[in-house]
């Protein structure tokens, strides 16, 4: 099953299980089924609860927050995650605050889906990874889609938490196959880290024994695994990749034993540097392991630039497999 098919099946399952759940967005109804076909078939099966809307990200998200405030569940599709900036006020100043500002806890079952990331030549305004702008907002969770996590489990977790969530979906993943880590590596899930779904781990033989631990969100899996393969075959360097489903809040404590033993720890993400999820993870690791770490946690980001449309220029800006490969060797060299 491809990741897009898994996500589509998850949305079908949510609507089937919960008659109070809605899916809302632009061009999401059949026969079009969304810009990336993630909502294909939903409106034919649930015509009263799959709502195509005008072009207004703020209006769509405000409608979803109102439904959540009244006890329903709402899943919003932002056609391109870049446009979630237009809904920032509704998410941060309405939905996230509504959980607690009325004097008692108010469950806000709301998910804002954001197709994000580059790699497809869509240019500066359709290729960004804006996760860092939502990290640390009280009452708001941040998730990222992963080919190693069942989207049904992830969606159910987000809705059950009773707090709004922003769900970033790297567009390149839609065509990738679920649970594909190549022929060299194994993968499992680490209970107690990154929400109910747990953090996924990709490793050679023992996830607790590696020269370097790479922590990266779901959109980086293919690039990180490619770098791990090269490092193993060319340099005999072993790595473990940790892929959380929930980026924030993020619980680092279950990871500490393997981080303590590693010669280097690296956090990779596609966003530009400065106030990022990766820097928050590094801060948490440093607070726990400063006396044990052989060197500070290495951070890997895309270049400080808008994202070009031309593919060769886009590759020079965004994090690539080679970026991670070189960063691991540099960290181990010290």
C-alpha atoms as a PDB file:
ATOM      1  CA  UNK A   1       0.000   0.000   0.000  1.00  0.00           C
ATOM      2  CA  UNK A   2       1.238   3.466  -0.831  1.00  0.00           C
ATOM      3  CA  UNK A   3       1.176   6.215   1.784  1.00  0.00           C
ATOM      4  CA  UNK A   4      -1.588   8.116  -0.037  1.00  0.00           C
ATOM      5  CA  UNK A   5      -3.766   4.998  -0.076  1.00  0.00           C
ATOM      6  CA  UNK A   6      -3.128   4.424   3.614  1.00  0.00           C
ATOM      7  CA  UNK A   7      -4.127   8.007   4.444  1.00  0.00           C
ATOM      8  CA  UNK A   8      -7.237   7.799   2.282  1.00  0.00           C
ATOM      9  CA  UNK A   9      -8.271   4.562   4.013  1.00  0.00           C
ATOM     10  CA  UNK A  10      -7.669   6.231   7.385  1.00  0.00           C
ATOM     11  CA  UNK A  11     -10.013   9.096   6.510  1.00  0.00           C
ATOM     12  CA  UNK A  12     -12.664   6.622   5.367  1.00  0.00           C
ATOM     13  CA  UNK A  13     -12.295   4.783   8.675  1.00  0.00           C
ATOM     14  CA  UNK A  14     -12.629   7.966  10.759  1.00  0.00           C
ATOM     15  CA  UNK A  15     -15.819   9.026   8.990  1.00  0.00           C
ATOM     16  CA  UNK A  16     -17.281   5.530   9.204  1.00  0.00           C
ATOM     17  CA  UNK A  17     -16.542   5.168  12.925  1.00  0.00           C
ATOM     18  CA  UNK A  18     -17.660   8.648  14.007  1.00  0.00           C
ATOM     19  CA  UNK A  19     -20.929  10.121  12.665  1.00  0.00           C
ATOM     20  CA  UNK A  20     -19.951  13.501  14.128  1.00  0.00           C
ATOM     21  CA  UNK A  21     -16.756  13.740  12.046  1.00  0.00           C
ATOM     22  CA  UNK A  22     -16.407  16.075   9.065  1.00  0.00           C
ATOM     23  CA  UNK A  23     -13.774  16.533   6.353  1.00  0.00           C
ATOM     24  CA  UNK A  24     -13.536  20.074   4.990  1.00  0.00           C
ATOM     25  CA  UNK A  25     -11.460  21.675   2.248  1.00  0.00           C
ATOM     26  CA  UNK A  26     -11.081  23.091  -1.234  1.00  0.00           C
ATOM     27  CA  UNK A  27     -11.749  20.772  -4.203  1.00  0.00           C
ATOM     28  CA  UNK A  28     -11.904  17.699  -1.968  1.00  0.00           C
ATOM     29  CA  UNK A  29     -15.176  16.291  -3.335  1.00  0.00           C
ATOM     30  CA  UNK A  30     -15.512  13.719  -6.113  1.00  0.00           C
ATOM     31  CA  UNK A  31     -14.748  13.360  -8.929  1.00  0.00           C
ATOM     32  CA  UNK A  32     -11.629  15.478  -8.263  1.00  0.00           C
ATOM     33  CA  UNK A  33     -10.920  14.117  -4.794  1.00  0.00           C
ATOM     34  CA  UNK A  34      -8.374  16.718  -3.732  1.00  0.00           C
ATOM     35  CA  UNK A  35      -5.184  18.055  -5.292  1.00  0.00           C
ATOM     36  CA  UNK A  36      -3.327  14.882  -4.256  1.00  0.00           C
ATOM     37  CA  UNK A  37      -6.379  12.548  -4.365  1.00  0.00           C
ATOM     38  CA  UNK A  38      -6.234  11.916  -0.635  1.00  0.00           C
ATOM     39  CA  UNK A  39      -9.992  12.524  -0.242  1.00  0.00           C
ATOM     40  CA  UNK A  40     -10.987  10.412  -3.236  1.00  0.00           C
ATOM     41  CA  UNK A  41     -14.278   8.593  -2.658  1.00  0.00           C
ATOM     42  CA  UNK A  42     -15.090  10.300   0.633  1.00  0.00           C
ATOM     43  CA  UNK A  43     -17.807  12.646  -0.629  1.00  0.00           C
ATOM     44  CA  UNK A  44     -19.530   9.867  -2.572  1.00  0.00           C
ATOM     45  CA  UNK A  45     -19.719   7.754   0.548  1.00  0.00           C
ATOM     46  CA  UNK A  46     -20.359  10.512   3.106  1.00  0.00           C
ATOM     47  CA  UNK A  47     -21.963  13.347   1.088  1.00  0.00           C
ATOM     48  CA  UNK A  48     -23.300  15.245   4.108  1.00  0.00           C
ATOM     49  CA  UNK A  49     -19.985  15.274   5.991  1.00  0.00           C
ATOM     50  CA  UNK A  50     -17.409  15.937   3.287  1.00  0.00           C
ATOM     51  CA  UNK A  51     -17.694  19.615   2.481  1.00  0.00           C
ATOM     52  CA  UNK A  52     -16.096  21.402  -0.449  1.00  0.00           C
ATOM     53  CA  UNK A  53     -15.457  25.037   0.388  1.00  0.00           C
ATOM     54  CA  UNK A  54     -14.551  28.376  -1.211  1.00  0.00           C
ATOM     55  CA  UNK A  55     -10.904  29.442  -1.256  1.00  0.00           C
ATOM     56  CA  UNK A  56     -10.471  30.791   2.267  1.00  0.00           C
ATOM     57  CA  UNK A  57      -8.026  28.991   4.548  1.00  0.00           C
ATOM     58  CA  UNK A  58      -9.025  31.183   7.471  1.00  0.00           C
ATOM     59  CA  UNK A  59     -12.714  30.535   6.871  1.00  0.00           C
ATOM     60  CA  UNK A  60     -12.247  26.781   6.471  1.00  0.00           C
ATOM     61  CA  UNK A  61     -10.216  26.491   9.651  1.00  0.00           C
ATOM     62  CA  UNK A  62     -12.598  28.737  11.571  1.00  0.00           C
ATOM     63  CA  UNK A  63     -15.513  26.526  10.502  1.00  0.00           C
ATOM     64  CA  UNK A  64     -13.619  23.440  11.672  1.00  0.00           C
ATOM     65  CA  UNK A  65     -12.816  25.058  15.014  1.00  0.00           C
ATOM     66  CA  UNK A  66     -16.478  25.977  15.466  1.00  0.00           C
ATOM     67  CA  UNK A  67     -17.535  22.392  14.785  1.00  0.00           C
ATOM     68  CA  UNK A  68     -14.953  21.141  17.280  1.00  0.00           C
ATOM     69  CA  UNK A  69     -16.101  23.684  19.873  1.00  0.00           C
ATOM     70  CA  UNK A  70     -19.640  22.303  19.524  1.00  0.00           C
ATOM     71  CA  UNK A  71     -18.477  18.718  20.106  1.00  0.00           C
ATOM     72  CA  UNK A  72     -17.997  17.456  16.546  1.00  0.00           C
ATOM     73  CA  UNK A  73     -14.719  16.363  14.967  1.00  0.00           C
ATOM     74  CA  UNK A  74     -13.287  18.176  11.965  1.00  0.00           C
ATOM     75  CA  UNK A  75     -10.405  17.372   9.617  1.00  0.00           C
ATOM     76  CA  UNK A  76      -9.328  20.251   7.383  1.00  0.00           C
ATOM     77  CA  UNK A  77      -7.307  19.876   4.202  1.00  0.00           C
ATOM     78  CA  UNK A  78      -5.129  22.886   3.361  1.00  0.00           C
ATOM     79  CA  UNK A  79      -4.407  22.323  -0.330  1.00  0.00           C
ATOM     80  CA  UNK A  80      -0.755  23.321   0.076  1.00  0.00           C
ATOM     81  CA  UNK A  81       0.717  23.607   3.553  1.00  0.00           C
ATOM     82  CA  UNK A  82       2.262  26.982   2.687  1.00  0.00           C
ATOM     83  CA  UNK A  83      -1.247  28.469   2.853  1.00  0.00           C
ATOM     84  CA  UNK A  84      -1.698  27.455   6.505  1.00  0.00           C
ATOM     85  CA  UNK A  85      -0.134  30.845   7.258  1.00  0.00           C
ATOM     86  CA  UNK A  86      -3.511  32.325   6.264  1.00  0.00           C
ATOM     87  CA  UNK A  87      -5.148  30.209   8.993  1.00  0.00           C
ATOM     88  CA  UNK A  88      -2.576  30.950  11.691  1.00  0.00           C
ATOM     89  CA  UNK A  89      -4.916  33.186  13.663  1.00  0.00           C
ATOM     90  CA  UNK A  90      -7.743  30.629  13.724  1.00  0.00           C
ATOM     91  CA  UNK A  91      -5.395  27.835  14.812  1.00  0.00           C
ATOM     92  CA  UNK A  92      -3.296  29.718  17.385  1.00  0.00           C
ATOM     93  CA  UNK A  93      -5.699  32.317  18.743  1.00  0.00           C
ATOM     94  CA  UNK A  94      -8.976  30.421  18.547  1.00  0.00           C
ATOM     95  CA  UNK A  95      -8.649  26.646  18.331  1.00  0.00           C
ATOM     96  CA  UNK A  96      -5.608  26.094  20.552  1.00  0.00           C
ATOM     97  CA  UNK A  97      -6.809  28.541  23.221  1.00  0.00           C
ATOM     98  CA  UNK A  98     -10.358  27.162  23.260  1.00  0.00           C
ATOM     99  CA  UNK A  99      -9.101  23.986  24.946  1.00  0.00           C
ATOM    100  CA  UNK A 100      -8.572  25.810  28.234  1.00  0.00           C
ATOM    101  CA  UNK A 101      -9.615  29.476  28.192  1.00  0.00           C
ATOM    102  CA  UNK A 102     -13.279  28.997  29.129  1.00  0.00           C
ATOM    103  CA  UNK A 103     -12.625  27.965  32.734  1.00  0.00           C
ATOM    104  CA  UNK A 104     -12.835  24.203  32.159  1.00  0.00           C
ATOM    105  CA  UNK A 105     -11.341  21.769  29.678  1.00  0.00           C
ATOM    106  CA  UNK A 106     -13.080  21.862  26.290  1.00  0.00           C
ATOM    107  CA  UNK A 107     -12.163  19.007  23.933  1.00  0.00           C
ATOM    108  CA  UNK A 108     -11.243  20.390  20.510  1.00  0.00           C
ATOM    109  CA  UNK A 109     -11.187  17.461  18.082  1.00  0.00           C
ATOM    110  CA  UNK A 110      -9.671  19.171  15.092  1.00  0.00           C
ATOM    111  CA  UNK A 111      -6.901  18.199  12.656  1.00  0.00           C
ATOM    112  CA  UNK A 112      -5.435  20.551  10.054  1.00  0.00           C
ATOM    113  CA  UNK A 113      -3.768  18.565   7.267  1.00  0.00           C
ATOM    114  CA  UNK A 114      -0.921  20.371   5.492  1.00  0.00           C
ATOM    115  CA  UNK A 115       0.701  18.836   2.380  1.00  0.00           C
ATOM    116  CA  UNK A 116       4.200  20.254   2.693  1.00  0.00           C
ATOM    117  CA  UNK A 117       7.803  20.056   1.598  1.00  0.00           C
ATOM    118  CA  UNK A 118       9.733  20.362  -1.640  1.00  0.00           C
ATOM    119  CA  UNK A 119      11.211  17.935  -4.106  1.00  0.00           C
ATOM    120  CA  UNK A 120       8.537  18.362  -6.777  1.00  0.00           C
ATOM    121  CA  UNK A 121       9.544  21.623  -8.411  1.00  0.00           C
ATOM    122  CA  UNK A 122       6.559  23.581  -7.105  1.00  0.00           C
ATOM    123  CA  UNK A 123       8.569  26.671  -6.276  1.00  0.00           C
ATOM    124  CA  UNK A 124       8.875  29.146  -3.393  1.00  0.00           C
ATOM    125  CA  UNK A 125       5.224  29.352  -2.284  1.00  0.00           C
ATOM    126  CA  UNK A 126       4.201  25.697  -2.650  1.00  0.00           C
ATOM    127  CA  UNK A 127       7.187  23.802  -1.201  1.00  0.00           C
ATOM    128  CA  UNK A 128       7.837  25.001   2.337  1.00  0.00           C
ATOM    129  CA  UNK A 129       8.033  23.074   5.606  1.00  0.00           C
ATOM    130  CA  UNK A 130       6.462  25.375   8.218  1.00  0.00           C
ATOM    131  CA  UNK A 131       6.402  23.010  11.197  1.00  0.00           C
ATOM    132  CA  UNK A 132       8.580  25.242  13.376  1.00  0.00           C
ATOM    133  CA  UNK A 133       5.981  28.008  13.418  1.00  0.00           C
ATOM    134  CA  UNK A 134       3.557  25.816  15.404  1.00  0.00           C
ATOM    135  CA  UNK A 135       5.968  24.210  17.880  1.00  0.00           C
ATOM    136  CA  UNK A 136       5.436  25.391  21.451  1.00  0.00           C
ATOM    137  CA  UNK A 137       1.909  26.790  21.086  1.00  0.00           C
ATOM    138  CA  UNK A 138      -0.033  25.879  24.267  1.00  0.00           C
ATOM    139  CA  UNK A 139      -2.899  23.511  23.537  1.00  0.00           C
ATOM    140  CA  UNK A 140      -1.662  22.621  20.039  1.00  0.00           C
ATOM    141  CA  UNK A 141      -0.032  19.372  18.863  1.00  0.00           C
ATOM    142  CA  UNK A 142       2.213  19.037  15.816  1.00  0.00           C
ATOM    143  CA  UNK A 143       2.478  15.773  13.892  1.00  0.00           C
ATOM    144  CA  UNK A 144       4.206  14.709  10.696  1.00  0.00           C
ATOM    145  CA  UNK A 145       3.109  11.898   8.411  1.00  0.00           C
ATOM    146  CA  UNK A 146       5.477   8.963   8.192  1.00  0.00           C
ATOM    147  CA  UNK A 147       5.666   5.898   5.919  1.00  0.00           C
ATOM    148  CA  UNK A 148       6.358   3.887   9.090  1.00  0.00           C
ATOM    149  CA  UNK A 149       3.151   4.848  10.939  1.00  0.00           C
ATOM    150  CA  UNK A 150      -0.386   3.718  10.128  1.00  0.00           C
ATOM    151  CA  UNK A 151      -2.328   6.913   9.475  1.00  0.00           C
ATOM    152  CA  UNK A 152      -5.490   5.482  10.989  1.00  0.00           C
ATOM    153  CA  UNK A 153      -3.730   5.061  14.341  1.00  0.00           C
ATOM    154  CA  UNK A 154      -2.255   8.545  14.068  1.00  0.00           C
ATOM    155  CA  UNK A 155      -5.559  10.248  13.184  1.00  0.00           C
ATOM    156  CA  UNK A 156      -7.372   8.414  15.952  1.00  0.00           C
ATOM    157  CA  UNK A 157      -4.682   9.529  18.410  1.00  0.00           C
ATOM    158  CA  UNK A 158      -4.950  13.161  17.344  1.00  0.00           C
ATOM    159  CA  UNK A 159      -8.734  13.216  17.652  1.00  0.00           C
ATOM    160  CA  UNK A 160      -8.795  11.295  20.936  1.00  0.00           C
ATOM    161  CA  UNK A 161      -6.377  13.781  22.526  1.00  0.00           C
ATOM    162  CA  UNK A 162      -9.068  16.462  22.468  1.00  0.00           C
ATOM    163  CA  UNK A 163      -6.704  19.234  21.375  1.00  0.00           C
ATOM    164  CA  UNK A 164      -6.219  20.669  17.894  1.00  0.00           C
ATOM    165  CA  UNK A 165      -3.373  19.249  15.835  1.00  0.00           C
ATOM    166  CA  UNK A 166      -1.531  20.344  12.723  1.00  0.00           C
ATOM    167  CA  UNK A 167      -0.587  17.340  10.563  1.00  0.00           C
ATOM    168  CA  UNK A 168       2.235  17.956   8.089  1.00  0.00           C
ATOM    169  CA  UNK A 169       2.346  15.549   5.146  1.00  0.00           C
ATOM    170  CA  UNK A 170       5.462  15.591   2.985  1.00  0.00           C
ATOM    171  CA  UNK A 171       4.074  15.480  -0.556  1.00  0.00           C
ATOM    172  CA  UNK A 172       6.878  13.243  -1.821  1.00  0.00           C
ATOM    173  CA  UNK A 173       5.667  10.511   0.548  1.00  0.00           C
ATOM    174  CA  UNK A 174       2.272  10.138  -1.114  1.00  0.00           C
ATOM    175  CA  UNK A 175       3.659   7.855  -3.829  1.00  0.00           C
ATOM    176  CA  UNK A 176       6.018   5.915  -1.557  1.00  0.00           C
ATOM    177  CA  UNK A 177       5.201   2.482  -0.160  1.00  0.00           C
ATOM    178  CA  UNK A 178       4.379   1.986   3.483  1.00  0.00           C
ATOM    179  CA  UNK A 179       7.069   0.414   5.692  1.00  0.00           C
ATOM    180  CA  UNK A 180       9.701   0.413   2.944  1.00  0.00           C
ATOM    181  CA  UNK A 181      13.179   0.703   4.497  1.00  0.00           C
ATOM    182  CA  UNK A 182      15.074  -1.225   1.843  1.00  0.00           C
ATOM    183  CA  UNK A 183      16.749  -4.613   1.999  1.00  0.00           C
ATOM    184  CA  UNK A 184      19.408  -3.931   4.653  1.00  0.00           C
ATOM    185  CA  UNK A 185      17.416  -2.574   7.567  1.00  0.00           C
ATOM    186  CA  UNK A 186      14.742  -3.578  10.043  1.00  0.00           C
ATOM    187  CA  UNK A 187      12.237  -1.322  11.762  1.00  0.00           C
ATOM    188  CA  UNK A 188      10.090  -1.342  14.884  1.00  0.00           C
ATOM    189  CA  UNK A 189       8.281   1.087  17.194  1.00  0.00           C
ATOM    190  CA  UNK A 190       9.475   2.411  20.522  1.00  0.00           C
ATOM    191  CA  UNK A 191       6.575   2.525  22.967  1.00  0.00           C
ATOM    192  CA  UNK A 192       6.166   5.642  25.070  1.00  0.00           C
ATOM    193  CA  UNK A 193       7.851   8.048  22.695  1.00  0.00           C
ATOM    194  CA  UNK A 194       6.062  10.332  20.275  1.00  0.00           C
ATOM    195  CA  UNK A 195       2.480   9.598  21.300  1.00  0.00           C
ATOM    196  CA  UNK A 196       0.421   6.406  21.254  1.00  0.00           C
ATOM    197  CA  UNK A 197       1.784   5.439  17.851  1.00  0.00           C
ATOM    198  CA  UNK A 198       5.321   5.521  19.249  1.00  0.00           C
ATOM    199  CA  UNK A 199       8.481   6.576  17.486  1.00  0.00           C
ATOM    200  CA  UNK A 200       9.530   4.287  14.646  1.00  0.00           C
ATOM    201  CA  UNK A 201      13.133   3.080  14.529  1.00  0.00           C
ATOM    202  CA  UNK A 202      15.140   1.891  11.527  1.00  0.00           C
ATOM    203  CA  UNK A 203      18.288  -0.059  12.324  1.00  0.00           C
ATOM    204  CA  UNK A 204      20.690  -2.750  11.125  1.00  0.00           C
ATOM    205  CA  UNK A 205      20.548  -5.376  13.902  1.00  0.00           C
ATOM    206  CA  UNK A 206      20.268  -3.730  17.311  1.00  0.00           C
ATOM    207  CA  UNK A 207      18.470  -0.367  17.594  1.00  0.00           C
ATOM    208  CA  UNK A 208      20.332   0.367  20.829  1.00  0.00           C
ATOM    209  CA  UNK A 209      23.794  -0.058  19.282  1.00  0.00           C
ATOM    210  CA  UNK A 210      24.820   2.451  16.631  1.00  0.00           C
ATOM    211  CA  UNK A 211      27.662   4.834  15.901  1.00  0.00           C
ATOM    212  CA  UNK A 212      25.159   7.603  15.225  1.00  0.00           C
ATOM    213  CA  UNK A 213      21.486   8.128  16.074  1.00  0.00           C
ATOM    214  CA  UNK A 214      19.590  10.196  13.517  1.00  0.00           C
ATOM    215  CA  UNK A 215      16.315  11.746  14.667  1.00  0.00           C
ATOM    216  CA  UNK A 216      14.135  12.943  11.793  1.00  0.00           C
ATOM    217  CA  UNK A 217      10.445  13.399  10.947  1.00  0.00           C
ATOM    218  CA  UNK A 218       8.599  11.243   8.415  1.00  0.00           C
ATOM    219  CA  UNK A 219       9.378  13.279   5.326  1.00  0.00           C
ATOM    220  CA  UNK A 220      13.088  12.648   5.814  1.00  0.00           C
ATOM    221  CA  UNK A 221      12.873   8.838   6.050  1.00  0.00           C
ATOM    222  CA  UNK A 222      13.872   8.009   2.482  1.00  0.00           C
ATOM    223  CA  UNK A 223      16.809  10.423   2.497  1.00  0.00           C
ATOM    224  CA  UNK A 224      17.970   9.308   5.935  1.00  0.00           C
ATOM    225  CA  UNK A 225      17.774   5.602   5.056  1.00  0.00           C
ATOM    226  CA  UNK A 226      19.689   6.272   1.844  1.00  0.00           C
ATOM    227  CA  UNK A 227      22.411   8.023   3.824  1.00  0.00           C
ATOM    228  CA  UNK A 228      22.488   5.162   6.344  1.00  0.00           C
ATOM    229  CA  UNK A 229      22.941   2.645   3.544  1.00  0.00           C
ATOM    230  CA  UNK A 230      25.859   4.551   2.047  1.00  0.00           C
ATOM    231  CA  UNK A 231      27.494   5.035   5.436  1.00  0.00           C
ATOM    232  CA  UNK A 232      27.246   1.339   6.201  1.00  0.00           C
ATOM    233  CA  UNK A 233      28.463   0.030   2.851  1.00  0.00           C
ATOM    234  CA  UNK A 234      31.161   2.626   2.184  1.00  0.00           C
ATOM    235  CA  UNK A 235      32.357   3.592   5.672  1.00  0.00           C
ATOM    236  CA  UNK A 236      31.155   0.715   7.908  1.00  0.00           C
ATOM    237  CA  UNK A 237      29.317   3.297  10.012  1.00  0.00           C
ATOM    238  CA  UNK A 238      26.103   2.050  11.614  1.00  0.00           C
ATOM    239  CA  UNK A 239      23.165   4.354  12.305  1.00  0.00           C
ATOM    240  CA  UNK A 240      19.774   4.091  13.948  1.00  0.00           C
ATOM    241  CA  UNK A 241      17.018   6.328  12.612  1.00  0.00           C
ATOM    242  CA  UNK A 242      14.300   7.503  15.031  1.00  0.00           C
ATOM    243  CA  UNK A 243      11.097   8.798  13.400  1.00  0.00           C
ATOM    244  CA  UNK A 244       8.498  10.309  15.728  1.00  0.00           C
ATOM    245  CA  UNK A 245       4.914  10.702  14.600  1.00  0.00           C
ATOM    246  CA  UNK A 246       4.179  13.469  17.097  1.00  0.00           C
ATOM    247  CA  UNK A 247       6.772  16.233  16.876  1.00  0.00           C
ATOM    248  CA  UNK A 248       5.337  18.347  19.676  1.00  0.00           C
ATOM    249  CA  UNK A 249       4.927  17.654  22.523  1.00  0.00           C
ATOM    250  CA  UNK A 250       7.963  15.374  22.142  1.00  0.00           C
ATOM    251  CA  UNK A 251       9.135  13.004  24.861  1.00  0.00           C
ATOM    252  CA  UNK A 252      12.856  12.362  24.572  1.00  0.00           C
ATOM    253  CA  UNK A 253      13.272  10.196  27.682  1.00  0.00           C
ATOM    254  CA  UNK A 254      12.565   6.794  26.034  1.00  0.00           C
ATOM    255  CA  UNK A 255      15.385   7.553  23.578  1.00  0.00           C
ATOM    256  CA  UNK A 256      18.023   8.362  26.179  1.00  0.00           C
ATOM    257  CA  UNK A 257      19.627   4.891  26.538  1.00  0.00           C
ATOM    258  CA  UNK A 258      20.492   4.630  22.835  1.00  0.00           C
ATOM    259  CA  UNK A 259      21.466   8.307  22.632  1.00  0.00           C
ATOM    260  CA  UNK A 260      23.835   7.908  25.581  1.00  0.00           C
ATOM    261  CA  UNK A 261      25.707   5.068  23.876  1.00  0.00           C
ATOM    262  CA  UNK A 262      26.001   6.653  20.431  1.00  0.00           C
ATOM    263  CA  UNK A 263      29.156   8.442  19.327  1.00  0.00           C
ATOM    264  CA  UNK A 264      27.062  11.163  17.666  1.00  0.00           C
ATOM    265  CA  UNK A 265      23.441  12.362  17.597  1.00  0.00           C
ATOM    266  CA  UNK A 266      22.004  14.211  14.623  1.00  0.00           C
ATOM    267  CA  UNK A 267      18.574  15.815  14.073  1.00  0.00           C
ATOM    268  CA  UNK A 268      17.576  16.373  10.427  1.00  0.00           C
ATOM    269  CA  UNK A 269      14.596  18.334   9.109  1.00  0.00           C
ATOM    270  CA  UNK A 270      13.685  20.091   5.879  1.00  0.00           C
ATOM    271  CA  UNK A 271      12.881  23.493   7.384  1.00  0.00           C
ATOM    272  CA  UNK A 272      15.383  26.326   7.432  1.00  0.00           C
ATOM    273  CA  UNK A 273      17.405  26.912  10.595  1.00  0.00           C
ATOM    274  CA  UNK A 274      16.266  29.144  13.435  1.00  0.00           C
ATOM    275  CA  UNK A 275      13.744  28.326  16.154  1.00  0.00           C
ATOM    276  CA  UNK A 276      13.059  24.857  14.780  1.00  0.00           C
ATOM    277  CA  UNK A 277      11.684  21.567  16.048  1.00  0.00           C
ATOM    278  CA  UNK A 278      15.197  20.165  15.709  1.00  0.00           C
ATOM    279  CA  UNK A 279      16.682  22.792  17.990  1.00  0.00           C
ATOM    280  CA  UNK A 280      13.994  22.015  20.582  1.00  0.00           C
ATOM    281  CA  UNK A 281      14.863  18.305  20.414  1.00  0.00           C
ATOM    282  CA  UNK A 282      18.567  19.120  20.742  1.00  0.00           C
ATOM    283  CA  UNK A 283      17.853  21.306  23.772  1.00  0.00           C
ATOM    284  CA  UNK A 284      15.965  18.461  25.474  1.00  0.00           C
ATOM    285  CA  UNK A 285      18.757  15.996  24.732  1.00  0.00           C
ATOM    286  CA  UNK A 286      21.408  18.393  26.034  1.00  0.00           C
ATOM    287  CA  UNK A 287      19.420  18.947  29.258  1.00  0.00           C
ATOM    288  CA  UNK A 288      19.425  15.198  29.954  1.00  0.00           C
ATOM    289  CA  UNK A 289      22.752  14.053  28.512  1.00  0.00           C
ATOM    290  CA  UNK A 290      25.178  16.966  28.470  1.00  0.00           C
ATOM    291  CA  UNK A 291      27.712  15.118  30.642  1.00  0.00           C
ATOM    292  CA  UNK A 292      27.476  11.960  28.518  1.00  0.00           C
ATOM    293  CA  UNK A 293      27.441  13.329  24.975  1.00  0.00           C
ATOM    294  CA  UNK A 294      30.730  13.162  23.092  1.00  0.00           C
ATOM    295  CA  UNK A 295      29.797  16.343  21.202  1.00  0.00           C
ATOM    296  CA  UNK A 296      26.784  18.644  20.889  1.00  0.00           C
ATOM    297  CA  UNK A 297      23.818  17.387  18.882  1.00  0.00           C
ATOM    298  CA  UNK A 298      24.274  18.160  15.180  1.00  0.00           C
ATOM    299  CA  UNK A 299      21.406  19.963  13.412  1.00  0.00           C
ATOM    300  CA  UNK A 300      20.747  19.548   9.686  1.00  0.00           C
ATOM    301  CA  UNK A 301      18.488  22.019   7.856  1.00  0.00           C
ATOM    302  CA  UNK A 302      17.802  23.277   4.378  1.00  0.00           C
ATOM    303  CA  UNK A 303      19.669  26.364   3.163  1.00  0.00           C
ATOM    304  CA  UNK A 304      18.568  29.861   4.201  1.00  0.00           C
ATOM    305  CA  UNK A 305      16.785  30.545   0.929  1.00  0.00           C
ATOM    306  CA  UNK A 306      13.472  30.539  -0.839  1.00  0.00           C
ATOM    307  CA  UNK A 307      12.905  27.238  -2.639  1.00  0.00           C
ATOM    308  CA  UNK A 308      13.624  27.483  -6.378  1.00  0.00           C
ATOM    309  CA  UNK A 309      11.397  25.893  -8.996  1.00  0.00           C
ATOM    310  CA  UNK A 310      14.224  24.546 -11.179  1.00  0.00           C
ATOM    311  CA  UNK A 311      14.939  21.050  -9.892  1.00  0.00           C
ATOM    312  CA  UNK A 312      18.733  21.345  -9.846  1.00  0.00           C
ATOM    313  CA  UNK A 313      18.498  24.582  -7.867  1.00  0.00           C
ATOM    314  CA  UNK A 314      15.844  23.130  -5.571  1.00  0.00           C
ATOM    315  CA  UNK A 315      18.158  20.213  -4.759  1.00  0.00           C
ATOM    316  CA  UNK A 316      20.939  22.642  -3.860  1.00  0.00           C
ATOM    317  CA  UNK A 317      18.676  24.294  -1.254  1.00  0.00           C
ATOM    318  CA  UNK A 318      16.824  21.364   0.335  1.00  0.00           C
ATOM    319  CA  UNK A 319      18.303  18.681   2.581  1.00  0.00           C
ATOM    320  CA  UNK A 320      19.412  15.719   0.475  1.00  0.00           C
ATOM    321  CA  UNK A 321      20.644  12.212   1.237  1.00  0.00           C
ATOM    322  CA  UNK A 322      24.176  13.510   0.736  1.00  0.00           C
ATOM    323  CA  UNK A 323      23.577  16.314   3.263  1.00  0.00           C
ATOM    324  CA  UNK A 324      22.798  13.795   5.987  1.00  0.00           C
ATOM    325  CA  UNK A 325      25.616  11.470   4.913  1.00  0.00           C
ATOM    326  CA  UNK A 326      28.213  14.241   5.085  1.00  0.00           C
ATOM    327  CA  UNK A 327      26.862  15.600   8.389  1.00  0.00           C
ATOM    328  CA  UNK A 328      27.151  12.181  10.054  1.00  0.00           C
ATOM    329  CA  UNK A 329      30.759  11.751   8.889  1.00  0.00           C
ATOM    330  CA  UNK A 330      31.619  15.249  10.098  1.00  0.00           C
ATOM    331  CA  UNK A 331      30.056  14.558  13.512  1.00  0.00           C
ATOM    332  CA  UNK A 332      31.960  11.301  13.893  1.00  0.00           C
ATOM    333  CA  UNK A 333      35.218  12.900  12.791  1.00  0.00           C
ATOM    334  CA  UNK A 334      35.484  15.083  15.911  1.00  0.00           C
END
